[in-house]
Amino acid sequence: MQRRSHPVAAVGDYESVLPFQAIGLKQYAIDDPNDEEGLRRIMLDMINEKFAICLMTEDLYQRYEQLIGELTHDEALNVIPIPTLKHSTGYGTLQIRNWVERAVGIDIFANK
């Protein structure tokens, strides 16, 4: 039986995506966070290469959330916001919490 591969990538500033090389993820370093067209090319490359998961730094995810939604709407690529190496805005955690709440119908992370 042939194993099907669904690659995972990391997208963000160079310092934040470099550590993912150690676990075999493809890294896409964005030098200029204002380069929307560059991010679009990277996203389309991941879609064409059949990537399953994209770990993207929170700052890029927040800035380009609409573009990401448009490009991945009918695709198998899932984009997950992660903190940068330097800081976290908490946005990634909030997004995951919201996704889980929509999936199961309750906030399982709520403090009681």
N, C-alpha and C. Protein backbone atom coordinates (compact mmCIF):
# COMPACT_ATOMS: atom_id res chain seq x y z
N MET A 1 0.84 -1.18 0.00
CA MET A 1 0.00 0.00 0.00
C MET A 1 0.89 1.24 0.00
N GLN A 2 0.61 2.17 -0.89
CA GLN A 2 1.40 3.38 -1.00
C GLN A 2 0.90 4.42 0.00
N ARG A 3 1.82 5.01 0.71
CA ARG A 3 1.48 6.04 1.71
C ARG A 3 1.30 7.37 1.00
N ARG A 4 0.19 8.04 1.29
CA ARG A 4 -0.07 9.35 0.69
C ARG A 4 0.45 10.41 1.62
N SER A 5 1.17 11.34 1.08
CA SER A 5 1.76 12.41 1.88
C SER A 5 0.94 13.68 1.76
N HIS A 6 0.70 14.31 2.89
CA HIS A 6 0.02 15.60 2.92
C HIS A 6 0.95 16.53 3.69
N PRO A 7 1.80 17.23 2.97
CA PRO A 7 2.83 18.03 3.62
C PRO A 7 2.29 19.15 4.51
N VAL A 8 3.15 19.57 5.41
CA VAL A 8 2.88 20.67 6.33
C VAL A 8 3.94 21.74 6.10
N ALA A 9 3.54 23.00 6.14
CA ALA A 9 4.47 24.11 5.92
C ALA A 9 4.34 25.14 7.03
N ALA A 10 5.39 25.94 7.18
CA ALA A 10 5.37 27.06 8.12
C ALA A 10 5.65 28.33 7.33
N VAL A 11 4.84 29.37 7.58
CA VAL A 11 4.96 30.64 6.86
C VAL A 11 5.07 31.76 7.88
N GLY A 12 6.06 32.62 7.69
CA GLY A 12 6.22 33.77 8.58
C GLY A 12 7.60 34.37 8.41
N ASP A 13 8.00 35.16 9.39
CA ASP A 13 9.34 35.75 9.32
C ASP A 13 10.39 34.65 9.47
N TYR A 14 11.57 34.89 8.94
CA TYR A 14 12.63 33.88 8.88
C TYR A 14 12.92 33.26 10.24
N GLU A 15 13.06 34.08 11.27
CA GLU A 15 13.40 33.57 12.60
C GLU A 15 12.32 32.65 13.16
N SER A 16 11.07 32.92 12.83
CA SER A 16 9.96 32.13 13.36
C SER A 16 9.76 30.80 12.63
N VAL A 17 10.10 30.76 11.34
CA VAL A 17 9.87 29.52 10.58
C VAL A 17 11.10 28.62 10.54
N LEU A 18 12.28 29.15 10.78
CA LEU A 18 13.51 28.36 10.71
C LEU A 18 13.48 27.12 11.62
N PRO A 19 13.00 27.21 12.87
CA PRO A 19 13.01 26.01 13.72
C PRO A 19 12.18 24.84 13.16
N PHE A 20 11.23 25.11 12.30
CA PHE A 20 10.41 24.05 11.74
C PHE A 20 11.18 23.17 10.77
N GLN A 21 12.33 23.64 10.32
CA GLN A 21 13.18 22.84 9.44
C GLN A 21 13.64 21.58 10.17
N ALA A 22 13.86 21.68 11.48
CA ALA A 22 14.35 20.55 12.27
C ALA A 22 13.38 19.37 12.29
N ILE A 23 12.10 19.65 12.08
CA ILE A 23 11.12 18.55 12.07
C ILE A 23 10.60 18.25 10.66
N GLY A 24 11.29 18.78 9.67
CA GLY A 24 11.01 18.43 8.29
C GLY A 24 9.92 19.20 7.59
N LEU A 25 9.48 20.31 8.18
CA LEU A 25 8.46 21.11 7.52
C LEU A 25 9.08 22.03 6.48
N LYS A 26 8.34 22.28 5.43
CA LYS A 26 8.77 23.26 4.42
C LYS A 26 8.59 24.65 5.02
N GLN A 27 9.59 25.51 4.86
CA GLN A 27 9.47 26.87 5.39
C GLN A 27 9.36 27.87 4.24
N TYR A 28 8.48 28.83 4.45
CA TYR A 28 8.32 29.95 3.54
C TYR A 28 8.55 31.20 4.37
N ALA A 29 9.69 31.83 4.18
CA ALA A 29 10.01 33.05 4.93
C ALA A 29 9.49 34.26 4.16
N ILE A 30 8.77 35.11 4.85
CA ILE A 30 8.25 36.36 4.28
C ILE A 30 9.13 37.50 4.80
N ASP A 31 9.90 38.10 3.91
CA ASP A 31 10.78 39.19 4.32
C ASP A 31 10.01 40.47 4.62
N ASP A 32 8.98 40.73 3.82
CA ASP A 32 8.20 41.96 3.96
C ASP A 32 6.75 41.60 4.30
N PRO A 33 6.31 41.85 5.54
CA PRO A 33 4.94 41.49 5.92
C PRO A 33 3.87 42.24 5.14
N ASN A 34 4.25 43.26 4.38
CA ASN A 34 3.30 44.02 3.56
C ASN A 34 3.19 43.47 2.14
N ASP A 35 3.91 42.39 1.84
CA ASP A 35 3.94 41.82 0.49
C ASP A 35 2.78 40.85 0.29
N GLU A 36 1.60 41.40 0.04
CA GLU A 36 0.40 40.58 -0.15
C GLU A 36 0.54 39.67 -1.35
N GLU A 37 1.11 40.17 -2.43
CA GLU A 37 1.26 39.36 -3.64
C GLU A 37 2.21 38.19 -3.40
N GLY A 38 3.27 38.42 -2.61
CA GLY A 38 4.19 37.34 -2.26
C GLY A 38 3.49 36.25 -1.46
N LEU A 39 2.67 36.66 -0.50
CA LEU A 39 1.92 35.69 0.29
C LEU A 39 0.93 34.93 -0.60
N ARG A 40 0.29 35.62 -1.51
CA ARG A 40 -0.65 34.98 -2.43
C ARG A 40 0.07 33.89 -3.23
N ARG A 41 1.27 34.19 -3.74
CA ARG A 41 2.03 33.20 -4.52
C ARG A 41 2.38 31.98 -3.66
N ILE A 42 2.78 32.23 -2.41
CA ILE A 42 3.11 31.13 -1.50
C ILE A 42 1.88 30.27 -1.24
N MET A 43 0.75 30.91 -0.96
CA MET A 43 -0.48 30.17 -0.69
C MET A 43 -0.89 29.32 -1.89
N LEU A 44 -0.83 29.89 -3.08
CA LEU A 44 -1.19 29.15 -4.29
C LEU A 44 -0.23 27.99 -4.53
N ASP A 45 1.05 28.19 -4.21
CA ASP A 45 2.04 27.12 -4.33
C ASP A 45 1.67 25.97 -3.39
N MET A 46 1.31 26.30 -2.14
CA MET A 46 0.94 25.25 -1.18
C MET A 46 -0.32 24.52 -1.63
N ILE A 47 -1.29 25.24 -2.18
CA ILE A 47 -2.52 24.61 -2.67
C ILE A 47 -2.20 23.68 -3.84
N ASN A 48 -1.38 24.15 -4.78
CA ASN A 48 -1.01 23.34 -5.94
C ASN A 48 -0.20 22.10 -5.54
N GLU A 49 0.61 22.23 -4.51
CA GLU A 49 1.43 21.11 -4.04
C GLU A 49 0.68 20.21 -3.07
N LYS A 50 -0.61 20.50 -2.85
CA LYS A 50 -1.49 19.68 -1.99
C LYS A 50 -1.05 19.64 -0.53
N PHE A 51 -0.61 20.78 -0.01
CA PHE A 51 -0.29 20.85 1.41
C PHE A 51 -1.59 20.74 2.20
N ALA A 52 -1.53 20.09 3.35
CA ALA A 52 -2.71 19.91 4.19
C ALA A 52 -2.79 20.98 5.26
N ILE A 53 -1.63 21.36 5.82
CA ILE A 53 -1.61 22.31 6.93
C ILE A 53 -0.55 23.37 6.68
N CYS A 54 -0.91 24.60 6.99
CA CYS A 54 0.01 25.73 6.95
C CYS A 54 0.00 26.37 8.34
N LEU A 55 1.13 26.35 9.00
CA LEU A 55 1.29 27.06 10.26
C LEU A 55 1.79 28.45 9.91
N MET A 56 0.97 29.46 10.17
CA MET A 56 1.32 30.83 9.77
C MET A 56 1.38 31.72 11.00
N THR A 57 2.39 32.59 11.04
CA THR A 57 2.53 33.47 12.19
C THR A 57 1.29 34.36 12.32
N GLU A 58 0.93 34.61 13.58
CA GLU A 58 -0.29 35.36 13.89
C GLU A 58 -0.36 36.71 13.18
N ASP A 59 0.77 37.40 13.11
CA ASP A 59 0.75 38.72 12.49
C ASP A 59 0.33 38.66 11.03
N LEU A 60 0.86 37.69 10.28
CA LEU A 60 0.46 37.53 8.88
C LEU A 60 -0.98 37.06 8.77
N TYR A 61 -1.34 36.11 9.61
CA TYR A 61 -2.71 35.58 9.57
C TYR A 61 -3.73 36.69 9.81
N GLN A 62 -3.49 37.50 10.82
CA GLN A 62 -4.42 38.59 11.11
C GLN A 62 -4.49 39.60 9.97
N ARG A 63 -3.35 39.95 9.43
CA ARG A 63 -3.30 40.95 8.37
C ARG A 63 -3.99 40.48 7.10
N TYR A 64 -3.85 39.19 6.78
CA TYR A 64 -4.35 38.68 5.51
C TYR A 64 -5.45 37.62 5.67
N GLU A 65 -6.20 37.68 6.75
CA GLU A 65 -7.22 36.68 7.03
C GLU A 65 -8.25 36.57 5.89
N GLN A 66 -8.65 37.69 5.31
CA GLN A 66 -9.61 37.66 4.21
C GLN A 66 -9.02 36.97 2.99
N LEU A 67 -7.79 37.31 2.63
CA LEU A 67 -7.12 36.68 1.49
C LEU A 67 -6.98 35.17 1.72
N ILE A 68 -6.57 34.79 2.92
CA ILE A 68 -6.41 33.37 3.26
C ILE A 68 -7.74 32.65 3.11
N GLY A 69 -8.80 33.25 3.61
CA GLY A 69 -10.13 32.65 3.48
C GLY A 69 -10.55 32.48 2.04
N GLU A 70 -10.29 33.48 1.22
CA GLU A 70 -10.65 33.42 -0.19
C GLU A 70 -9.89 32.30 -0.91
N LEU A 71 -8.60 32.19 -0.63
CA LEU A 71 -7.78 31.21 -1.33
C LEU A 71 -8.02 29.78 -0.86
N THR A 72 -8.39 29.60 0.39
CA THR A 72 -8.53 28.25 0.93
C THR A 72 -9.98 27.79 1.07
N HIS A 73 -10.91 28.63 0.69
CA HIS A 73 -12.34 28.32 0.88
C HIS A 73 -12.74 26.94 0.37
N ASP A 74 -12.36 26.60 -0.84
CA ASP A 74 -12.74 25.32 -1.43
C ASP A 74 -11.56 24.36 -1.54
N GLU A 75 -10.55 24.57 -0.75
CA GLU A 75 -9.33 23.76 -0.82
C GLU A 75 -9.14 22.96 0.46
N ALA A 76 -8.23 21.98 0.40
CA ALA A 76 -7.95 21.13 1.56
C ALA A 76 -6.93 21.75 2.50
N LEU A 77 -6.33 22.86 2.13
CA LEU A 77 -5.31 23.51 2.96
C LEU A 77 -5.94 24.19 4.16
N ASN A 78 -5.45 23.86 5.35
CA ASN A 78 -5.91 24.48 6.59
C ASN A 78 -4.80 25.36 7.13
N VAL A 79 -5.11 26.61 7.41
CA VAL A 79 -4.12 27.56 7.91
C VAL A 79 -4.37 27.78 9.40
N ILE A 80 -3.32 27.57 10.19
CA ILE A 80 -3.42 27.67 11.64
C ILE A 80 -2.48 28.77 12.11
N PRO A 81 -2.99 29.80 12.79
CA PRO A 81 -2.12 30.87 13.28
C PRO A 81 -1.29 30.39 14.48
N ILE A 82 -0.01 30.77 14.46
CA ILE A 82 0.91 30.43 15.54
C ILE A 82 1.65 31.70 15.97
N PRO A 83 2.17 31.73 17.20
CA PRO A 83 2.92 32.91 17.63
C PRO A 83 4.23 33.03 16.85
N THR A 84 4.75 34.25 16.79
CA THR A 84 6.09 34.42 16.22
C THR A 84 7.09 33.99 17.27
N LEU A 85 8.34 33.92 16.90
CA LEU A 85 9.39 33.53 17.84
C LEU A 85 9.53 34.56 18.95
N LYS A 86 9.20 35.82 18.64
CA LYS A 86 9.41 36.91 19.59
C LYS A 86 8.23 37.17 20.53
N HIS A 87 7.00 36.93 20.04
CA HIS A 87 5.84 37.24 20.89
C HIS A 87 4.57 36.56 20.38
N SER A 88 3.56 36.57 21.23
CA SER A 88 2.24 36.07 20.86
C SER A 88 1.22 37.14 21.16
N THR A 89 0.31 37.33 20.23
CA THR A 89 -0.79 38.27 20.46
C THR A 89 -1.98 37.57 21.10
N GLY A 90 -1.94 36.24 21.14
CA GLY A 90 -3.06 35.47 21.65
C GLY A 90 -4.10 35.17 20.58
N TYR A 91 -3.89 35.71 19.39
CA TYR A 91 -4.86 35.55 18.31
C TYR A 91 -4.99 34.09 17.88
N GLY A 92 -3.88 33.38 17.80
CA GLY A 92 -3.92 31.97 17.41
C GLY A 92 -4.73 31.14 18.38
N THR A 93 -4.52 31.36 19.66
CA THR A 93 -5.26 30.64 20.68
C THR A 93 -6.76 30.95 20.58
N LEU A 94 -7.09 32.22 20.38
CA LEU A 94 -8.48 32.63 20.24
C LEU A 94 -9.13 31.96 19.03
N GLN A 95 -8.42 31.92 17.91
CA GLN A 95 -8.96 31.29 16.70
C GLN A 95 -9.23 29.82 16.93
N ILE A 96 -8.28 29.11 17.53
CA ILE A 96 -8.46 27.68 17.78
C ILE A 96 -9.63 27.46 18.72
N ARG A 97 -9.74 28.29 19.73
CA ARG A 97 -10.86 28.20 20.68
C ARG A 97 -12.20 28.38 19.95
N ASN A 98 -12.27 29.37 19.06
CA ASN A 98 -13.50 29.62 18.29
C ASN A 98 -13.83 28.44 17.38
N TRP A 99 -12.80 27.88 16.71
CA TRP A 99 -13.04 26.75 15.80
C TRP A 99 -13.56 25.55 16.57
N VAL A 100 -12.98 25.27 17.73
CA VAL A 100 -13.42 24.13 18.54
C VAL A 100 -14.85 24.35 19.03
N GLU A 101 -15.16 25.58 19.44
CA GLU A 101 -16.51 25.88 19.91
C GLU A 101 -17.54 25.67 18.80
N ARG A 102 -17.21 26.11 17.59
CA ARG A 102 -18.13 25.91 16.46
C ARG A 102 -18.28 24.42 16.14
N ALA A 103 -17.19 23.66 16.28
CA ALA A 103 -17.23 22.24 15.94
C ALA A 103 -18.03 21.42 16.95
N VAL A 104 -17.89 21.71 18.24
CA VAL A 104 -18.53 20.88 19.25
C VAL A 104 -19.76 21.54 19.89
N GLY A 105 -19.95 22.84 19.62
CA GLY A 105 -21.14 23.52 20.10
C GLY A 105 -21.01 24.18 21.46
N ILE A 106 -19.91 23.97 22.15
CA ILE A 106 -19.68 24.63 23.44
C ILE A 106 -18.21 25.02 23.56
N ASP A 107 -17.95 25.95 24.45
CA ASP A 107 -16.58 26.39 24.70
C ASP A 107 -15.95 25.45 25.73
N ILE A 108 -15.22 24.46 25.26
CA ILE A 108 -14.62 23.49 26.19
C ILE A 108 -13.44 24.05 26.95
N PHE A 109 -12.98 25.26 26.58
CA PHE A 109 -11.86 25.89 27.26
C PHE A 109 -12.30 26.88 28.33
N ALA A 110 -13.60 27.06 28.48
CA ALA A 110 -14.12 28.05 29.43
C ALA A 110 -13.73 27.71 30.85
N ASN A 111 -13.37 28.73 31.61
CA ASN A 111 -13.08 28.53 33.04
C ASN A 111 -14.40 28.45 33.78
N LYS A 112 -14.49 27.50 34.68
CA LYS A 112 -15.74 27.33 35.43
C LYS A 112 -15.62 27.90 36.80
